[in-house]
Amino acid sequence: MKVLSIAVPCFNSAAYMRKCIDSLLVGKEDVEILIVNDGSSKDNTAEIADEYEKKYPDIIKPIYHDENMYSKGVTNPSGVYNFPRASGEYIAMCEGDDYWCDDEKLRMQVEILDKNKDISFCFHAAKVENLDNTFSPDLIRPYEKSMRITAKEVINKRTHYPTASLLLRSEYMKSLPQYYFDCKVGDIPMQIISAKYGDAYYIDRVMSVYRMGVPTSWTASQFSGDYKKKQEDYYQNMKRMYEAYDTQI
């Protein structure tokens, strides 16, 4: 079994894919990079993934779709296409428009999960990169020091955990409940599902980069069209997800 699987969902990510994949490859051994590209991508995301697959056939493992999977109800592609085929003991996340920026990231996170079987997942701080390649002075820094985060805090948190910072235990991602697939976002249900099995651990160190304002991102899509309705729909969707979670704890 490989030590680690890296799930990389993509959609029109060609402008960022090379930096993303290169950051996942630097200094890494015993990893597999599981890429899934939505068929509605209109750029050359698939061609770039294919190029890397040819260069690293034992590491890069893409899945390509001819159709728009989101329109068919697949809102969390990693849960549908990446998690079931992950062979690693742990699963790291990095969407195709984000990237990692610290070569020690995986070593530090894996060490924490290896030594603490009651820690269900690990995450860390992140930088925010703007579309003009400048960095925001504000970090995504959920807490002010490295610390164990209780399961209750994970579920009730009022702060964002960077998706590209997540390292999850594969065993908890292999049999996901229906509310995960019904949710419009993937990161929050991944975290609270993991929290059923133990606490989390936060490393107060910047080790990934979140790209702000990418036009094809889910976050950007929320600001187009009827913003008020989209926010209400999102609220109702998350409410149903948490209610379903409560019934299965």
C-alpha atoms as a PDB file:
ATOM      1  CA  MET A   1       0.000   0.000   0.000  1.00  0.00           C
ATOM      2  CA  LYS A   2       1.218   3.461  -0.837  1.00  0.00           C
ATOM      3  CA  VAL A   3       1.711   5.830   2.047  1.00  0.00           C
ATOM      4  CA  LEU A   4      -0.312   8.637   0.548  1.00  0.00           C
ATOM      5  CA  SER A   5      -2.918   9.439  -2.094  1.00  0.00           C
ATOM      6  CA  ILE A   6      -3.422  13.027  -3.284  1.00  0.00           C
ATOM      7  CA  ALA A   7      -6.877  13.900  -4.619  1.00  0.00           C
ATOM      8  CA  VAL A   8      -6.862  16.649  -7.256  1.00  0.00           C
ATOM      9  CA  PRO A   9     -10.299  17.650  -8.613  1.00  0.00           C
ATOM     10  CA  CYS A  10     -10.052  19.987 -11.627  1.00  0.00           C
ATOM     11  CA  PHE A  11     -12.287  22.196 -13.725  1.00  0.00           C
ATOM     12  CA  ASN A  12     -10.827  24.604 -16.293  1.00  0.00           C
ATOM     13  CA  SER A  13      -7.598  24.525 -14.285  1.00  0.00           C
ATOM     14  CA  ALA A  14      -5.088  24.669 -17.159  1.00  0.00           C
ATOM     15  CA  ALA A  15      -3.656  28.039 -16.123  1.00  0.00           C
ATOM     16  CA  TYR A  16      -2.723  26.626 -12.725  1.00  0.00           C
ATOM     17  CA  MET A  17      -2.281  22.872 -13.229  1.00  0.00           C
ATOM     18  CA  ARG A  18       1.458  22.755 -13.833  1.00  0.00           C
ATOM     19  CA  LYS A  19       2.271  24.675 -10.658  1.00  0.00           C
ATOM     20  CA  CYS A  20      -0.186  22.520  -8.733  1.00  0.00           C
ATOM     21  CA  ILE A  21       1.199  19.181  -9.926  1.00  0.00           C
ATOM     22  CA  ASP A  22       4.836  20.289  -9.670  1.00  0.00           C
ATOM     23  CA  SER A  23       4.264  21.304  -6.052  1.00  0.00           C
ATOM     24  CA  LEU A  24       2.838  17.862  -5.277  1.00  0.00           C
ATOM     25  CA  LEU A  25       5.800  16.100  -6.865  1.00  0.00           C
ATOM     26  CA  VAL A  26       8.689  17.953  -5.223  1.00  0.00           C
ATOM     27  CA  GLY A  27      10.539  15.714  -2.787  1.00  0.00           C
ATOM     28  CA  LYS A  28       7.693  13.235  -2.590  1.00  0.00           C
ATOM     29  CA  GLU A  29       8.004   9.458  -2.610  1.00  0.00           C
ATOM     30  CA  ASP A  30       5.374   6.752  -2.334  1.00  0.00           C
ATOM     31  CA  VAL A  31       2.516   8.953  -3.485  1.00  0.00           C
ATOM     32  CA  GLU A  32      -0.163   8.686  -6.121  1.00  0.00           C
ATOM     33  CA  ILE A  33      -1.789  11.778  -7.591  1.00  0.00           C
ATOM     34  CA  LEU A  34      -5.421  11.108  -8.458  1.00  0.00           C
ATOM     35  CA  ILE A  35      -6.710  13.707 -10.914  1.00  0.00           C
ATOM     36  CA  VAL A  36     -10.336  13.958 -11.990  1.00  0.00           C
ATOM     37  CA  ASN A  37     -11.251  16.513 -14.642  1.00  0.00           C
ATOM     38  CA  ASP A  38     -14.848  17.524 -15.339  1.00  0.00           C
ATOM     39  CA  GLY A  39     -15.829  17.005 -18.956  1.00  0.00           C
ATOM     40  CA  SER A  40     -17.146  20.550 -19.224  1.00  0.00           C
ATOM     41  CA  SER A  41     -13.619  21.987 -18.962  1.00  0.00           C
ATOM     42  CA  LYS A  42     -13.062  24.062 -22.074  1.00  0.00           C
ATOM     43  CA  ASP A  43      -9.303  24.498 -21.777  1.00  0.00           C
ATOM     44  CA  ASN A  44      -6.416  22.036 -22.005  1.00  0.00           C
ATOM     45  CA  THR A  45      -6.541  20.752 -18.417  1.00  0.00           C
ATOM     46  CA  ALA A  46      -6.886  17.183 -19.710  1.00  0.00           C
ATOM     47  CA  GLU A  47      -3.931  17.554 -22.075  1.00  0.00           C
ATOM     48  CA  ILE A  48      -1.705  18.783 -19.240  1.00  0.00           C
ATOM     49  CA  ALA A  49      -2.777  15.882 -17.010  1.00  0.00           C
ATOM     50  CA  ASP A  50      -2.071  13.481 -19.876  1.00  0.00           C
ATOM     51  CA  GLU A  51       1.388  14.997 -20.344  1.00  0.00           C
ATOM     52  CA  TYR A  52       2.243  14.434 -16.685  1.00  0.00           C
ATOM     53  CA  GLU A  53       0.783  10.928 -16.751  1.00  0.00           C
ATOM     54  CA  LYS A  54       3.137   9.997 -19.579  1.00  0.00           C
ATOM     55  CA  LYS A  55       6.083  11.388 -17.624  1.00  0.00           C
ATOM     56  CA  TYR A  56       5.107   9.852 -14.265  1.00  0.00           C
ATOM     57  CA  PRO A  57       2.899   6.847 -15.110  1.00  0.00           C
ATOM     58  CA  ASP A  58       3.241   5.270 -11.666  1.00  0.00           C
ATOM     59  CA  ILE A  59       2.255   8.467  -9.867  1.00  0.00           C
ATOM     60  CA  ILE A  60      -0.137  10.515 -12.008  1.00  0.00           C
ATOM     61  CA  LYS A  61      -3.512   8.788 -12.449  1.00  0.00           C
ATOM     62  CA  PRO A  62      -6.112  10.937 -14.204  1.00  0.00           C
ATOM     63  CA  ILE A  63      -9.768  10.264 -14.947  1.00  0.00           C
ATOM     64  CA  TYR A  64     -11.315  12.188 -17.839  1.00  0.00           C
ATOM     65  CA  HIS A  65     -15.003  12.777 -18.475  1.00  0.00           C
ATOM     66  CA  ASP A  66     -16.730  13.648 -21.734  1.00  0.00           C
ATOM     67  CA  GLU A  67     -19.754  15.138 -19.991  1.00  0.00           C
ATOM     68  CA  ASN A  68     -20.390  17.852 -17.421  1.00  0.00           C
ATOM     69  CA  MET A  69     -20.553  15.779 -14.243  1.00  0.00           C
ATOM     70  CA  TYR A  70     -21.628  18.720 -12.056  1.00  0.00           C
ATOM     71  CA  SER A  71     -24.811  19.101 -14.116  1.00  0.00           C
ATOM     72  CA  LYS A  72     -25.498  15.415 -13.406  1.00  0.00           C
ATOM     73  CA  GLY A  73     -25.385  16.045  -9.676  1.00  0.00           C
ATOM     74  CA  VAL A  74     -21.721  15.214  -8.993  1.00  0.00           C
ATOM     75  CA  THR A  75     -20.863  18.140  -6.726  1.00  0.00           C
ATOM     76  CA  ASN A  76     -18.039  16.341  -4.902  1.00  0.00           C
ATOM     77  CA  PRO A  77     -15.986  14.569  -7.588  1.00  0.00           C
ATOM     78  CA  SER A  78     -13.212  13.356  -5.290  1.00  0.00           C
ATOM     79  CA  GLY A  79     -15.703  11.402  -3.195  1.00  0.00           C
ATOM     80  CA  VAL A  80     -17.142   9.785  -6.310  1.00  0.00           C
ATOM     81  CA  TYR A  81     -14.023   9.185  -8.392  1.00  0.00           C
ATOM     82  CA  ASN A  82     -10.871   9.643  -6.275  1.00  0.00           C
ATOM     83  CA  PHE A  83     -11.533   8.286  -2.799  1.00  0.00           C
ATOM     84  CA  PRO A  84     -12.765   4.843  -3.952  1.00  0.00           C
ATOM     85  CA  ARG A  85      -9.568   4.225  -5.949  1.00  0.00           C
ATOM     86  CA  ALA A  86      -7.161   5.690  -3.378  1.00  0.00           C
ATOM     87  CA  SER A  87      -4.636   3.062  -2.296  1.00  0.00           C
ATOM     88  CA  GLY A  88      -2.903   5.197   0.335  1.00  0.00           C
ATOM     89  CA  GLU A  89      -3.358   5.025   4.074  1.00  0.00           C
ATOM     90  CA  TYR A  90      -3.943   8.778   3.989  1.00  0.00           C
ATOM     91  CA  ILE A  91      -5.576  11.118   1.486  1.00  0.00           C
ATOM     92  CA  ALA A  92      -4.333  14.662   0.944  1.00  0.00           C
ATOM     93  CA  MET A  93      -6.398  17.268  -0.870  1.00  0.00           C
ATOM     94  CA  CYS A  94      -5.316  19.877  -3.416  1.00  0.00           C
ATOM     95  CA  GLU A  95      -7.728  21.335  -5.950  1.00  0.00           C
ATOM     96  CA  GLY A  96      -6.232  22.029  -9.368  1.00  0.00           C
ATOM     97  CA  ASP A  97      -6.042  25.795  -8.911  1.00  0.00           C
ATOM     98  CA  ASP A  98      -4.253  25.637  -5.535  1.00  0.00           C
ATOM     99  CA  TYR A  99      -0.752  24.400  -4.680  1.00  0.00           C
ATOM    100  CA  TRP A 100       1.583  23.424  -1.844  1.00  0.00           C
ATOM    101  CA  CYS A 101       4.504  25.634  -0.791  1.00  0.00           C
ATOM    102  CA  ASP A 102       6.411  23.699   1.874  1.00  0.00           C
ATOM    103  CA  ASP A 103       8.383  20.523   1.174  1.00  0.00           C
ATOM    104  CA  GLU A 104       7.955  19.457   4.802  1.00  0.00           C
ATOM    105  CA  LYS A 105       4.157  19.495   4.652  1.00  0.00           C
ATOM    106  CA  LEU A 106       3.460  15.802   4.113  1.00  0.00           C
ATOM    107  CA  ARG A 107       6.214  14.587   6.408  1.00  0.00           C
ATOM    108  CA  MET A 108       4.920  16.695   9.287  1.00  0.00           C
ATOM    109  CA  GLN A 109       1.287  15.755   8.772  1.00  0.00           C
ATOM    110  CA  VAL A 110       1.909  12.048   8.273  1.00  0.00           C
ATOM    111  CA  GLU A 111       4.071  11.982  11.398  1.00  0.00           C
ATOM    112  CA  ILE A 112       1.216  13.434  13.460  1.00  0.00           C
ATOM    113  CA  LEU A 113      -1.331  10.924  12.173  1.00  0.00           C
ATOM    114  CA  ASP A 114       1.101   8.021  12.554  1.00  0.00           C
ATOM    115  CA  LYS A 115       1.810   8.883  16.185  1.00  0.00           C
ATOM    116  CA  ASN A 116      -1.752   9.784  17.200  1.00  0.00           C
ATOM    117  CA  LYS A 117      -4.334   7.212  16.197  1.00  0.00           C
ATOM    118  CA  ASP A 118      -7.064   9.287  17.848  1.00  0.00           C
ATOM    119  CA  ILE A 119      -6.399  12.211  15.485  1.00  0.00           C
ATOM    120  CA  SER A 120      -8.787  11.851  12.544  1.00  0.00           C
ATOM    121  CA  PHE A 121      -7.298  14.486  10.243  1.00  0.00           C
ATOM    122  CA  CYS A 122      -4.622  17.163  10.119  1.00  0.00           C
ATOM    123  CA  PHE A 123      -4.605  20.655   8.568  1.00  0.00           C
ATOM    124  CA  HIS A 124      -2.539  23.855   8.578  1.00  0.00           C
ATOM    125  CA  ALA A 125      -2.420  27.536   7.619  1.00  0.00           C
ATOM    126  CA  ALA A 126      -2.349  28.825   4.038  1.00  0.00           C
ATOM    127  CA  LYS A 127      -1.407  31.900   2.037  1.00  0.00           C
ATOM    128  CA  VAL A 128      -3.870  33.645  -0.275  1.00  0.00           C
ATOM    129  CA  GLU A 129      -2.703  34.414  -3.813  1.00  0.00           C
ATOM    130  CA  ASN A 130      -4.576  36.946  -5.924  1.00  0.00           C
ATOM    131  CA  LEU A 131      -5.178  36.671  -9.657  1.00  0.00           C
ATOM    132  CA  ASP A 132      -2.342  39.133 -10.331  1.00  0.00           C
ATOM    133  CA  ASN A 133       0.080  36.725  -8.567  1.00  0.00           C
ATOM    134  CA  THR A 134       0.413  38.980  -5.523  1.00  0.00           C
ATOM    135  CA  PHE A 135      -0.210  37.639  -2.035  1.00  0.00           C
ATOM    136  CA  SER A 136      -2.809  38.957   0.351  1.00  0.00           C
ATOM    137  CA  PRO A 137      -1.416  40.219   3.676  1.00  0.00           C
ATOM    138  CA  ASP A 138      -4.062  38.087   5.368  1.00  0.00           C
ATOM    139  CA  LEU A 139      -3.431  34.398   5.896  1.00  0.00           C
ATOM    140  CA  ILE A 140      -5.985  31.637   6.253  1.00  0.00           C
ATOM    141  CA  ARG A 141      -4.905  30.941   9.808  1.00  0.00           C
ATOM    142  CA  PRO A 142      -7.719  29.308  11.771  1.00  0.00           C
ATOM    143  CA  TYR A 143      -5.845  29.285  15.094  1.00  0.00           C
ATOM    144  CA  GLU A 144      -2.886  31.124  16.603  1.00  0.00           C
ATOM    145  CA  LYS A 145      -0.817  28.093  17.582  1.00  0.00           C
ATOM    146  CA  SER A 146      -0.392  24.430  16.731  1.00  0.00           C
ATOM    147  CA  MET A 147      -2.907  22.468  18.723  1.00  0.00           C
ATOM    148  CA  ARG A 148      -5.340  19.583  18.978  1.00  0.00           C
ATOM    149  CA  ILE A 149      -8.826  20.605  17.846  1.00  0.00           C
ATOM    150  CA  THR A 150     -11.712  18.791  19.491  1.00  0.00           C
ATOM    151  CA  ALA A 151     -14.325  17.088  17.364  1.00  0.00           C
ATOM    152  CA  LYS A 152     -16.934  19.488  18.791  1.00  0.00           C
ATOM    153  CA  GLU A 153     -14.884  22.479  17.621  1.00  0.00           C
ATOM    154  CA  VAL A 154     -14.508  20.976  14.127  1.00  0.00           C
ATOM    155  CA  ILE A 155     -18.268  20.565  13.819  1.00  0.00           C
ATOM    156  CA  ASN A 156     -19.199  23.962  15.294  1.00  0.00           C
ATOM    157  CA  LYS A 157     -16.295  26.034  13.964  1.00  0.00           C
ATOM    158  CA  ARG A 158     -16.767  29.565  12.655  1.00  0.00           C
ATOM    159  CA  THR A 159     -13.565  29.619  10.627  1.00  0.00           C
ATOM    160  CA  HIS A 160     -12.385  28.091   7.353  1.00  0.00           C
ATOM    161  CA  TYR A 161      -9.915  25.222   7.122  1.00  0.00           C
ATOM    162  CA  PRO A 162      -7.958  25.444   3.815  1.00  0.00           C
ATOM    163  CA  THR A 163      -8.935  22.532   1.578  1.00  0.00           C
ATOM    164  CA  ALA A 164      -5.374  22.102   0.273  1.00  0.00           C
ATOM    165  CA  SER A 165      -4.196  21.678   3.860  1.00  0.00           C
ATOM    166  CA  LEU A 166      -6.302  18.608   4.656  1.00  0.00           C
ATOM    167  CA  LEU A 167      -4.739  15.212   5.310  1.00  0.00           C
ATOM    168  CA  LEU A 168      -7.419  12.594   5.981  1.00  0.00           C
ATOM    169  CA  ARG A 169      -7.445   8.962   6.996  1.00  0.00           C
ATOM    170  CA  SER A 170      -8.517   6.941   3.941  1.00  0.00           C
ATOM    171  CA  GLU A 171     -10.570   4.478   5.964  1.00  0.00           C
ATOM    172  CA  TYR A 172     -13.059   7.225   6.844  1.00  0.00           C
ATOM    173  CA  MET A 173     -13.438   8.332   3.217  1.00  0.00           C
ATOM    174  CA  LYS A 174     -14.178   4.915   1.729  1.00  0.00           C
ATOM    175  CA  SER A 175     -17.811   4.568   2.781  1.00  0.00           C
ATOM    176  CA  LEU A 176     -19.353   8.010   2.639  1.00  0.00           C
ATOM    177  CA  PRO A 177     -22.973   8.755   3.636  1.00  0.00           C
ATOM    178  CA  GLN A 178     -25.481  10.130   1.143  1.00  0.00           C
ATOM    179  CA  TYR A 179     -25.435  13.604   2.710  1.00  0.00           C
ATOM    180  CA  TYR A 180     -21.803  13.938   1.582  1.00  0.00           C
ATOM    181  CA  PHE A 181     -22.813  13.445  -2.052  1.00  0.00           C
ATOM    182  CA  ASP A 182     -25.818  15.761  -1.696  1.00  0.00           C
ATOM    183  CA  CYS A 183     -23.728  18.598  -0.264  1.00  0.00           C
ATOM    184  CA  LYS A 184     -22.687  21.403  -2.607  1.00  0.00           C
ATOM    185  CA  VAL A 185     -19.207  21.585  -1.075  1.00  0.00           C
ATOM    186  CA  GLY A 186     -16.834  18.761  -0.213  1.00  0.00           C
ATOM    187  CA  ASP A 187     -14.473  20.117   2.411  1.00  0.00           C
ATOM    188  CA  ILE A 188     -16.917  20.614   5.294  1.00  0.00           C
ATOM    189  CA  PRO A 189     -18.531  17.152   5.157  1.00  0.00           C
ATOM    190  CA  MET A 190     -15.068  15.565   4.899  1.00  0.00           C
ATOM    191  CA  GLN A 191     -14.079  17.302   8.115  1.00  0.00           C
ATOM    192  CA  ILE A 192     -17.169  16.522  10.160  1.00  0.00           C
ATOM    193  CA  ILE A 193     -17.289  12.912   8.955  1.00  0.00           C
ATOM    194  CA  SER A 194     -13.692  12.528  10.122  1.00  0.00           C
ATOM    195  CA  ALA A 195     -14.557  14.206  13.428  1.00  0.00           C
ATOM    196  CA  LYS A 196     -16.893  11.301  14.219  1.00  0.00           C
ATOM    197  CA  TYR A 197     -13.772   9.213  14.762  1.00  0.00           C
ATOM    198  CA  GLY A 198     -11.523  11.578  16.702  1.00  0.00           C
ATOM    199  CA  ASP A 199     -10.086  15.044  17.131  1.00  0.00           C
ATOM    200  CA  ALA A 200      -8.177  17.012  14.492  1.00  0.00           C
ATOM    201  CA  TYR A 201      -4.738  18.597  14.682  1.00  0.00           C
ATOM    202  CA  TYR A 202      -3.813  22.069  13.434  1.00  0.00           C
ATOM    203  CA  ILE A 203      -0.226  22.972  12.467  1.00  0.00           C
ATOM    204  CA  ASP A 204       0.333  26.722  12.702  1.00  0.00           C
ATOM    205  CA  ARG A 205       2.583  26.885   9.662  1.00  0.00           C
ATOM    206  CA  VAL A 206       1.816  28.092   6.133  1.00  0.00           C
ATOM    207  CA  MET A 207       2.236  25.116   3.801  1.00  0.00           C
ATOM    208  CA  SER A 208      -0.248  25.648   0.961  1.00  0.00           C
ATOM    209  CA  VAL A 209      -1.622  28.443  -1.208  1.00  0.00           C
ATOM    210  CA  TYR A 210      -5.278  29.213  -1.914  1.00  0.00           C
ATOM    211  CA  ARG A 211      -5.913  31.117  -5.140  1.00  0.00           C
ATOM    212  CA  MET A 212      -8.493  33.825  -4.593  1.00  0.00           C
ATOM    213  CA  GLY A 213     -10.965  34.831  -7.288  1.00  0.00           C
ATOM    214  CA  VAL A 214     -10.363  32.068  -9.849  1.00  0.00           C
ATOM    215  CA  PRO A 215     -13.263  32.659 -12.290  1.00  0.00           C
ATOM    216  CA  THR A 216     -14.176  28.972 -12.597  1.00  0.00           C
ATOM    217  CA  SER A 217     -14.127  28.237  -8.857  1.00  0.00           C
ATOM    218  CA  TRP A 218     -17.268  27.358  -6.918  1.00  0.00           C
ATOM    219  CA  THR A 219     -16.758  30.393  -4.676  1.00  0.00           C
ATOM    220  CA  ALA A 220     -16.627  32.763  -7.656  1.00  0.00           C
ATOM    221  CA  SER A 221     -19.743  31.179  -9.135  1.00  0.00           C
ATOM    222  CA  GLN A 222     -21.684  32.112  -6.003  1.00  0.00           C
ATOM    223  CA  PHE A 223     -21.228  35.821  -6.781  1.00  0.00           C
ATOM    224  CA  SER A 224     -22.706  35.637 -10.278  1.00  0.00           C
ATOM    225  CA  GLY A 225     -26.403  35.773 -11.098  1.00  0.00           C
ATOM    226  CA  ASP A 226     -28.923  35.892  -8.257  1.00  0.00           C
ATOM    227  CA  TYR A 227     -26.562  36.153  -5.291  1.00  0.00           C
ATOM    228  CA  LYS A 228     -29.303  36.253  -2.660  1.00  0.00           C
ATOM    229  CA  LYS A 229     -30.982  33.111  -3.982  1.00  0.00           C
ATOM    230  CA  LYS A 230     -27.672  31.271  -4.232  1.00  0.00           C
ATOM    231  CA  GLN A 231     -26.869  32.114  -0.625  1.00  0.00           C
ATOM    232  CA  GLU A 232     -30.290  30.922   0.514  1.00  0.00           C
ATOM    233  CA  ASP A 233     -29.895  27.693  -1.480  1.00  0.00           C
ATOM    234  CA  TYR A 234     -26.452  27.178   0.036  1.00  0.00           C
ATOM    235  CA  TYR A 235     -27.780  27.762   3.545  1.00  0.00           C
ATOM    236  CA  GLN A 236     -30.613  25.278   3.052  1.00  0.00           C
ATOM    237  CA  ASN A 237     -28.246  22.711   1.539  1.00  0.00           C
ATOM    238  CA  MET A 238     -25.831  22.973   4.482  1.00  0.00           C
ATOM    239  CA  LYS A 239     -28.727  22.852   6.953  1.00  0.00           C
ATOM    240  CA  ARG A 240     -29.924  19.565   5.437  1.00  0.00           C
ATOM    241  CA  MET A 241     -26.381  18.211   5.544  1.00  0.00           C
ATOM    242  CA  TYR A 242     -25.919  18.985   9.251  1.00  0.00           C
ATOM    243  CA  GLU A 243     -29.364  17.603  10.088  1.00  0.00           C
ATOM    244  CA  ALA A 244     -28.531  14.359   8.295  1.00  0.00           C
ATOM    245  CA  TYR A 245     -25.197  14.250  10.105  1.00  0.00           C
ATOM    246  CA  ASP A 246     -26.937  14.604  13.467  1.00  0.00           C
ATOM    247  CA  THR A 247     -29.111  11.573  12.784  1.00  0.00           C
ATOM    248  CA  GLN A 248     -26.081   9.359  12.062  1.00  0.00           C
ATOM    249  CA  ILE A 249     -23.700  10.224  14.886  1.00  0.00           C
END
